[in-house]
Amino acid sequence: MIIKRLWLTNFRNHHETDVELNNNTTLVVGLNGHGKTNLIEGLYLLSGARSFRGAKVDALIRSGHTSAYVRAEVEQQGRPSLIEIELTTQGRSKAQVNKQKVKRFRDLGDTVRAVVFSPDDLELIKGPPAIRRSMLDDTIAITNPEFRAVRTDFDHILRQRNNLLKQAKGRTSVDLETNLSIWNDQLVTAAEFIGDTREQFINRFGPAVTDFYQQVAGRDDPVVLQLDADWRHMGLAEALLTSHSDEVRRGMTLVGPHRDDLLVLLNSLPSRSHASQGEQRSLALALRLATYLYIEEVSGDQPLVLLDDVFSELDETRARRLVECLPNSQIVLTSATGTVPDGVNPAQILNINEGQIHGA
């Protein structure tokens, strides 16, 4: 899969950007705040993923406008496709492939697959469980349409159940119990599928994380990934019964996949609390590299690799080892100085200034 051309209209600080991309490595150079990361963000949205910066739609639209557009020409196994995304503050955002609307935004991932590396990836190790859950589910969803659908259904069921608990205002009633019973059955079915799929993914994903960590860190320390999901020990139906009184009192669902965590253990210890920052950074890189490998193996397609000013955060040795691990695929990377490690040989260099690209 290759992104041949990208258009950004009123996207962040890009008023009218039209750029053709090289099939190999493209280096985007510009001072901080001039639109390099915005370009990477636009490319990543083509995969149907959320903004990797956690931004909401309003923040993606250029000030003074109500809509932004991200479009791209994509070549997949020799076949061209046109992807179009409309982001709007008025109603729901829309996406289409070859003029055909996609049912879910995430379904764009069937056409474009991308892996992004950013300085904030350290939060994959140091941050709260929600960040690791998102990485877990986003990676699975790229190649598993059934998981995408069930995950969406689960979120809907969870919202409905939480609304019931909130409206109860801490008091139980026959109506509450009847309605909760209906939603509980649906929640359990969706949750068991999500839990099973996450476990299967981790079993396949974990060894690659270990391999890449050892390559990037230059050490043989073992890495183990574990799903922290207490509800699976007794089953969600039983867990809901056990937590029922607390849920009514607090007005929210307290057990289930939405509370899971991905534990990353280094030398049998939690990396979040026991690993050094250098070790944590190597682990974060390993997670991203393993994500690429997983997507490539499962889909048979080479994802787009996006590196947002990553090398500025790495020491020379770790940067060199990362370069050695990078796949031979289409890569877009950014740099404030234009300096990149040995082994990175850009076939195309774009200069960006206040959202304007030169050298395209």
Protein backbone atom coordinates (compact mmCIF):
# COMPACT_ATOMS: atom_id res chain seq x y z
CA MET A 1 0.00 0.00 0.00
CA ILE A 2 1.40 3.38 -1.08
CA ILE A 3 0.07 6.90 -0.48
CA LYS A 4 0.69 8.60 -3.81
CA ARG A 5 -0.78 12.03 -3.15
CA LEU A 6 -2.24 13.91 -0.19
CA TRP A 7 -4.53 16.92 0.00
CA LEU A 8 -5.24 18.83 3.22
CA THR A 9 -7.84 21.60 3.18
CA ASN A 10 -8.37 23.78 6.27
CA PHE A 11 -6.77 21.02 8.33
CA ARG A 12 -5.00 22.46 11.37
CA ASN A 13 -2.68 25.14 9.93
CA HIS A 14 -2.77 23.67 6.40
CA HIS A 15 -5.00 25.88 4.26
CA GLU A 16 -4.48 24.19 0.88
CA THR A 17 -1.80 21.50 0.86
CA ASP A 18 -1.28 19.29 -2.19
CA VAL A 19 1.73 17.01 -2.05
CA GLU A 20 2.91 13.97 -3.99
CA LEU A 21 4.78 11.44 -1.86
CA ASN A 22 7.68 9.22 -2.80
CA ASN A 23 7.24 5.45 -2.61
CA ASN A 24 10.23 5.15 -0.28
CA THR A 25 11.36 7.62 2.41
CA THR A 26 10.17 11.23 2.60
CA LEU A 27 11.76 13.68 5.04
CA VAL A 28 9.68 16.69 6.10
CA VAL A 29 11.80 19.53 7.51
CA GLY A 30 10.54 22.60 9.35
CA LEU A 31 10.64 24.51 12.60
CA ASN A 32 8.39 23.44 15.45
CA GLY A 33 4.85 24.76 15.14
CA HIS A 34 4.92 25.06 11.35
CA GLY A 35 2.83 21.98 10.48
CA LYS A 36 5.09 18.91 10.32
CA THR A 37 3.14 16.94 12.93
CA ASN A 38 -0.14 18.15 11.39
CA LEU A 39 0.91 16.55 8.11
CA ILE A 40 1.70 13.27 9.90
CA GLU A 41 -1.64 13.50 11.70
CA GLY A 42 -3.51 13.94 8.42
CA LEU A 43 -1.80 10.88 6.95
CA TYR A 44 -2.63 8.82 10.03
CA LEU A 45 -6.32 9.76 9.88
CA LEU A 46 -6.50 8.05 6.49
CA SER A 47 -6.25 4.72 8.34
CA GLY A 48 -9.52 5.46 10.14
CA ALA A 49 -7.76 5.83 13.47
CA ARG A 50 -8.27 8.59 15.99
CA SER A 51 -5.79 11.45 16.11
CA PHE A 52 -2.62 10.02 17.67
CA ARG A 53 -2.41 13.29 19.62
CA GLY A 54 -5.80 12.68 21.22
CA ALA A 55 -7.31 15.71 19.49
CA LYS A 56 -11.05 16.09 18.98
CA VAL A 57 -12.55 17.09 15.65
CA ASP A 58 -12.83 20.78 16.56
CA ALA A 59 -9.08 20.99 17.07
CA LEU A 60 -8.39 19.49 13.63
CA ILE A 61 -10.28 22.20 11.77
CA ARG A 62 -8.53 25.44 10.83
CA SER A 63 -9.60 28.40 12.94
CA GLY A 64 -12.52 30.29 11.41
CA HIS A 65 -13.83 27.29 9.44
CA THR A 66 -16.49 24.67 10.16
CA SER A 67 -15.06 21.87 8.00
CA ALA A 68 -11.72 20.36 7.03
CA TYR A 69 -10.91 17.85 4.31
CA VAL A 70 -8.29 15.11 4.08
CA ARG A 71 -8.01 13.34 0.72
CA ALA A 72 -5.50 10.91 -0.70
CA GLU A 73 -4.72 8.85 -3.76
CA VAL A 74 -3.73 5.37 -2.62
CA GLU A 75 -2.26 2.51 -4.61
CA GLN A 76 -2.91 -0.97 -3.27
CA GLN A 77 -1.54 -3.96 -5.17
CA GLY A 78 -1.51 -1.84 -8.33
CA ARG A 79 -5.10 -0.67 -7.90
CA PRO A 80 -5.77 3.05 -7.29
CA SER A 81 -8.22 4.27 -4.65
CA LEU A 82 -9.41 7.70 -3.60
CA ILE A 83 -10.02 8.27 0.10
CA GLU A 84 -11.96 11.34 1.20
CA ILE A 85 -12.61 12.50 4.76
CA GLU A 86 -14.77 15.45 5.76
CA LEU A 87 -14.33 16.64 9.33
CA THR A 88 -17.02 19.00 10.52
CA THR A 89 -18.20 20.80 13.64
CA GLN A 90 -21.75 20.64 12.30
CA GLY A 91 -23.06 17.09 12.46
CA ARG A 92 -21.08 13.90 11.94
CA SER A 93 -17.81 13.65 10.06
CA LYS A 94 -17.92 11.54 6.90
CA ALA A 95 -15.55 9.29 4.98
CA GLN A 96 -15.70 7.51 1.66
CA VAL A 97 -13.56 5.28 -0.53
CA ASN A 98 -13.95 5.67 -4.29
CA LYS A 99 -17.10 7.77 -3.67
CA GLN A 100 -18.67 4.99 -1.58
CA LYS A 101 -19.47 5.94 2.03
CA VAL A 102 -17.93 3.76 4.70
CA LYS A 103 -20.23 2.54 7.46
CA ARG A 104 -17.73 3.19 10.23
CA PHE A 105 -14.81 5.59 10.14
CA ARG A 106 -12.55 2.77 11.33
CA ASP A 107 -13.38 0.82 8.14
CA LEU A 108 -10.91 3.07 6.31
CA GLY A 109 -8.33 0.74 7.86
CA ASP A 110 -9.26 -1.84 5.23
CA THR A 111 -7.68 0.45 2.62
CA VAL A 112 -4.93 2.33 4.48
CA ARG A 113 -2.87 0.87 7.30
CA ALA A 114 -0.40 3.01 9.18
CA VAL A 115 1.87 2.88 12.22
CA VAL A 116 2.95 6.13 13.87
CA PHE A 117 5.96 6.67 16.13
CA SER A 118 6.00 9.86 18.22
CA PRO A 119 7.86 11.26 21.24
CA ASP A 120 4.64 10.80 23.25
CA ASP A 121 4.92 7.02 22.82
CA LEU A 122 6.65 6.92 26.19
CA GLU A 123 3.10 7.17 27.58
CA LEU A 124 2.50 3.64 26.26
CA ILE A 125 4.62 2.53 29.19
CA LYS A 126 4.31 5.35 31.73
CA GLY A 127 0.73 6.45 31.07
CA PRO A 128 -2.66 5.24 32.34
CA PRO A 129 -4.30 1.95 31.26
CA ALA A 130 -6.57 3.71 28.72
CA ILE A 131 -3.56 4.46 26.50
CA ARG A 132 -2.46 0.82 26.41
CA ARG A 133 -6.05 -0.38 25.87
CA SER A 134 -6.33 1.94 22.88
CA MET A 135 -3.08 0.66 21.39
CA LEU A 136 -4.23 -2.91 21.93
CA ASP A 137 -7.67 -2.43 20.39
CA ASP A 138 -6.50 -0.15 17.58
CA THR A 139 -3.93 -2.71 16.44
CA ILE A 140 -6.41 -5.59 16.51
CA ALA A 141 -9.07 -3.53 14.73
CA ILE A 142 -6.82 -2.73 11.77
CA THR A 143 -6.98 -6.33 10.55
CA ASN A 144 -10.12 -7.65 12.28
CA PRO A 145 -13.45 -6.19 11.04
CA GLU A 146 -15.45 -8.40 13.43
CA PHE A 147 -13.55 -7.01 16.41
CA ARG A 148 -14.18 -3.45 15.15
CA ALA A 149 -17.91 -4.12 15.02
CA VAL A 150 -18.11 -5.85 18.42
CA ARG A 151 -15.98 -3.14 20.05
CA THR A 152 -18.35 -0.48 18.68
CA ASP A 153 -21.37 -2.47 19.94
CA PHE A 154 -19.75 -2.84 23.36
CA ASP A 155 -19.25 0.93 23.66
CA HIS A 156 -22.94 1.48 22.81
CA ILE A 157 -24.10 -1.12 25.34
CA LEU A 158 -21.82 0.34 28.00
CA ARG A 159 -23.21 3.85 27.45
CA GLN A 160 -26.78 2.60 27.77
CA ARG A 161 -25.98 0.65 30.92
CA ASN A 162 -24.15 3.60 32.48
CA ASN A 163 -27.10 5.87 31.69
CA LEU A 164 -29.41 3.50 33.57
CA LEU A 165 -27.11 3.38 36.58
CA LYS A 166 -26.68 7.14 36.60
CA GLN A 167 -30.42 7.76 36.38
CA ALA A 168 -31.00 5.41 39.33
CA LYS A 169 -29.26 7.97 41.59
CA GLY A 170 -28.03 5.29 43.94
CA ARG A 171 -31.41 3.59 44.42
CA THR A 172 -32.39 0.16 43.15
CA SER A 173 -35.84 -0.65 41.73
CA VAL A 174 -37.68 -3.35 39.81
CA ASP A 175 -37.43 -1.32 36.58
CA LEU A 176 -33.70 -0.84 37.04
CA GLU A 177 -33.09 -4.54 37.64
CA THR A 178 -35.22 -5.53 34.63
CA ASN A 179 -33.49 -3.12 32.28
CA LEU A 180 -30.02 -3.94 33.60
CA SER A 181 -30.67 -7.63 33.02
CA ILE A 182 -31.29 -6.95 29.32
CA TRP A 183 -28.11 -4.89 28.89
CA ASN A 184 -26.07 -7.29 31.04
CA ASP A 185 -26.70 -10.20 28.68
CA GLN A 186 -25.51 -8.15 25.71
CA LEU A 187 -22.54 -6.75 27.65
CA VAL A 188 -21.37 -10.23 28.66
CA THR A 189 -21.52 -11.58 25.11
CA ALA A 190 -19.53 -8.66 23.67
CA ALA A 191 -17.07 -8.62 26.57
CA GLU A 192 -16.20 -12.30 26.30
CA PHE A 193 -15.41 -11.88 22.60
CA ILE A 194 -13.25 -8.81 23.28
CA GLY A 195 -11.39 -10.54 26.10
CA ASP A 196 -10.73 -13.69 24.07
CA THR A 197 -9.54 -11.68 21.07
CA ARG A 198 -7.22 -9.54 23.20
CA GLU A 199 -5.68 -12.66 24.79
CA GLN A 200 -5.11 -14.29 21.40
CA PHE A 201 -3.53 -11.12 20.08
CA ILE A 202 -1.18 -10.75 23.05
CA ASN A 203 -0.02 -14.37 22.69
CA ARG A 204 0.99 -13.68 19.09
CA PHE A 205 2.21 -10.12 19.60
CA GLY A 206 4.35 -10.65 22.72
CA PRO A 207 7.30 -12.56 21.23
CA ALA A 208 7.82 -9.86 18.58
CA VAL A 209 7.91 -7.18 21.28
CA THR A 210 10.62 -9.14 23.08
CA ASP A 211 12.66 -9.54 19.88
CA PHE A 212 12.47 -5.84 18.98
CA TYR A 213 13.21 -4.72 22.53
CA GLN A 214 16.35 -6.80 22.60
CA GLN A 215 17.44 -5.38 19.24
CA VAL A 216 16.77 -1.73 20.18
CA ALA A 217 18.12 -1.97 23.73
CA GLY A 218 21.02 -4.24 22.83
CA ARG A 219 20.23 -6.49 25.79
CA ASP A 220 18.70 -9.94 26.30
CA ASP A 221 16.27 -8.94 29.04
CA PRO A 222 12.96 -10.83 28.75
CA VAL A 223 9.74 -8.90 28.06
CA VAL A 224 6.33 -10.36 28.94
CA LEU A 225 2.93 -8.95 28.02
CA GLN A 226 -0.10 -9.84 30.14
CA LEU A 227 -3.75 -8.84 29.99
CA ASP A 228 -4.83 -7.49 33.37
CA ALA A 229 -8.54 -8.34 33.40
CA ASP A 230 -9.73 -9.54 36.80
CA TRP A 231 -13.29 -10.07 35.58
CA ARG A 232 -12.16 -12.93 33.34
CA HIS A 233 -11.26 -15.11 36.33
CA MET A 234 -14.91 -15.48 37.35
CA GLY A 235 -16.62 -14.40 34.13
CA LEU A 236 -18.30 -11.04 33.57
CA ALA A 237 -21.79 -12.22 34.55
CA GLU A 238 -20.55 -13.20 38.01
CA ALA A 239 -18.37 -10.07 38.28
CA LEU A 240 -21.39 -7.86 37.54
CA LEU A 241 -23.37 -9.55 40.33
CA THR A 242 -20.50 -9.08 42.77
CA SER A 243 -20.09 -5.38 41.95
CA HIS A 244 -23.83 -4.63 41.59
CA SER A 245 -24.36 -2.64 44.78
CA ASP A 246 -21.21 -0.57 44.20
CA GLU A 247 -22.27 0.16 40.61
CA VAL A 248 -25.72 1.36 41.70
CA ARG A 249 -24.16 3.53 44.37
CA ARG A 250 -21.56 5.06 42.02
CA GLY A 251 -23.75 5.17 38.90
CA MET A 252 -21.30 3.48 36.54
CA THR A 253 -20.10 0.09 35.28
CA LEU A 254 -17.07 -0.92 37.33
CA VAL A 255 -16.01 -4.20 35.70
CA GLY A 256 -15.40 -5.27 32.12
CA PRO A 257 -13.03 -4.82 29.17
CA HIS A 258 -13.22 -1.02 29.48
CA ARG A 259 -11.19 -1.32 32.71
CA ASP A 260 -8.53 -3.74 31.44
CA ASP A 261 -4.83 -2.96 31.25
CA LEU A 262 -1.94 -4.33 29.23
CA LEU A 263 0.90 -5.13 31.62
CA VAL A 264 4.39 -4.79 30.14
CA LEU A 265 6.86 -6.67 32.32
CA LEU A 266 10.62 -6.29 31.97
CA ASN A 267 12.68 -8.87 33.87
CA SER A 268 9.39 -9.94 35.52
CA LEU A 269 8.80 -6.44 36.95
CA PRO A 270 6.22 -3.83 35.87
CA SER A 271 8.02 -1.54 33.42
CA ARG A 272 5.72 1.34 34.31
CA SER A 273 7.22 1.59 37.79
CA HIS A 274 10.53 -0.29 37.70
CA ALA A 275 12.14 0.35 34.28
CA SER A 276 14.48 3.26 33.62
CA GLN A 277 13.41 5.93 31.14
CA GLY A 278 15.83 4.52 28.56
CA GLU A 279 14.34 1.06 29.01
CA GLN A 280 10.83 2.49 28.80
CA ARG A 281 11.68 4.29 25.57
CA SER A 282 13.10 1.08 24.07
CA LEU A 283 9.94 -0.78 25.10
CA ALA A 284 7.74 1.85 23.46
CA LEU A 285 9.72 1.55 20.22
CA ALA A 286 9.44 -2.24 20.42
CA LEU A 287 5.65 -2.01 20.75
CA ARG A 288 5.43 0.14 17.61
CA LEU A 289 7.81 -2.07 15.61
CA ALA A 290 5.87 -5.17 16.66
CA THR A 291 2.65 -3.45 15.62
CA TYR A 292 4.04 -2.98 12.12
CA LEU A 293 5.13 -6.60 11.91
CA TYR A 294 1.76 -7.89 13.15
CA ILE A 295 -0.19 -5.83 10.61
CA GLU A 296 2.10 -6.90 7.79
CA GLU A 297 1.85 -10.60 8.70
CA VAL A 298 -1.91 -10.64 9.17
CA SER A 299 -2.93 -8.39 6.26
CA GLY A 300 -0.15 -9.23 3.80
CA ASP A 301 0.20 -5.48 3.28
CA GLN A 302 3.04 -3.13 4.25
CA PRO A 303 1.67 -0.31 6.44
CA LEU A 304 2.74 3.29 6.03
CA VAL A 305 5.38 4.17 8.65
CA LEU A 306 5.16 7.64 10.21
CA LEU A 307 8.01 8.93 12.39
CA ASP A 308 7.21 12.25 14.03
CA ASP A 309 10.47 13.81 15.26
CA VAL A 310 11.33 10.53 16.96
CA PHE A 311 15.10 10.62 16.52
CA SER A 312 15.47 13.89 18.44
CA GLU A 313 14.43 12.00 21.59
CA LEU A 314 16.90 9.12 21.17
CA ASP A 315 20.57 8.77 21.96
CA GLU A 316 22.85 7.93 19.03
CA THR A 317 23.05 4.22 19.78
CA ARG A 318 19.30 3.72 20.22
CA ALA A 319 18.61 5.80 17.07
CA ARG A 320 21.00 3.64 15.04
CA ARG A 321 19.38 0.45 16.31
CA LEU A 322 15.91 1.77 15.49
CA VAL A 323 17.01 2.54 11.93
CA GLU A 324 18.29 -1.04 11.61
CA CYS A 325 14.83 -2.32 12.65
CA LEU A 326 12.79 -0.11 10.32
CA PRO A 327 11.01 -2.01 7.53
CA ASN A 328 11.54 -1.50 3.84
CA SER A 329 8.26 0.30 3.23
CA GLN A 330 6.94 3.79 2.57
CA ILE A 331 8.17 6.03 5.37
CA VAL A 332 7.42 9.67 6.17
CA LEU A 333 9.51 11.24 8.92
CA THR A 334 9.85 14.74 10.29
CA SER A 335 12.77 16.72 11.64
CA ALA A 336 13.17 20.30 12.86
CA THR A 337 16.81 20.41 11.72
CA GLY A 338 16.90 18.08 8.73
CA THR A 339 19.46 15.91 10.51
CA VAL A 340 18.74 12.19 10.47
CA PRO A 341 20.77 9.18 11.62
CA ASP A 342 23.08 7.27 9.30
CA GLY A 343 21.13 4.68 7.38
CA VAL A 344 18.16 6.97 6.72
CA ASN A 345 18.37 7.96 3.07
CA PRO A 346 15.43 10.18 2.07
CA ALA A 347 14.40 9.90 -1.56
CA GLN A 348 12.38 13.10 -1.13
CA ILE A 349 12.83 16.15 1.10
CA LEU A 350 9.96 18.54 1.75
CA ASN A 351 10.38 21.86 3.54
CA ILE A 352 7.43 23.23 5.46
CA ASN A 353 6.87 26.80 6.63
CA GLU A 354 3.64 27.99 8.27
CA GLY A 355 1.64 25.16 6.71
CA GLN A 356 3.10 25.70 3.24
CA ILE A 357 5.12 22.86 1.67
CA HIS A 358 7.99 23.46 -0.72
CA GLY A 359 9.91 20.89 -2.71
CA ALA A 360 6.89 18.67 -3.43
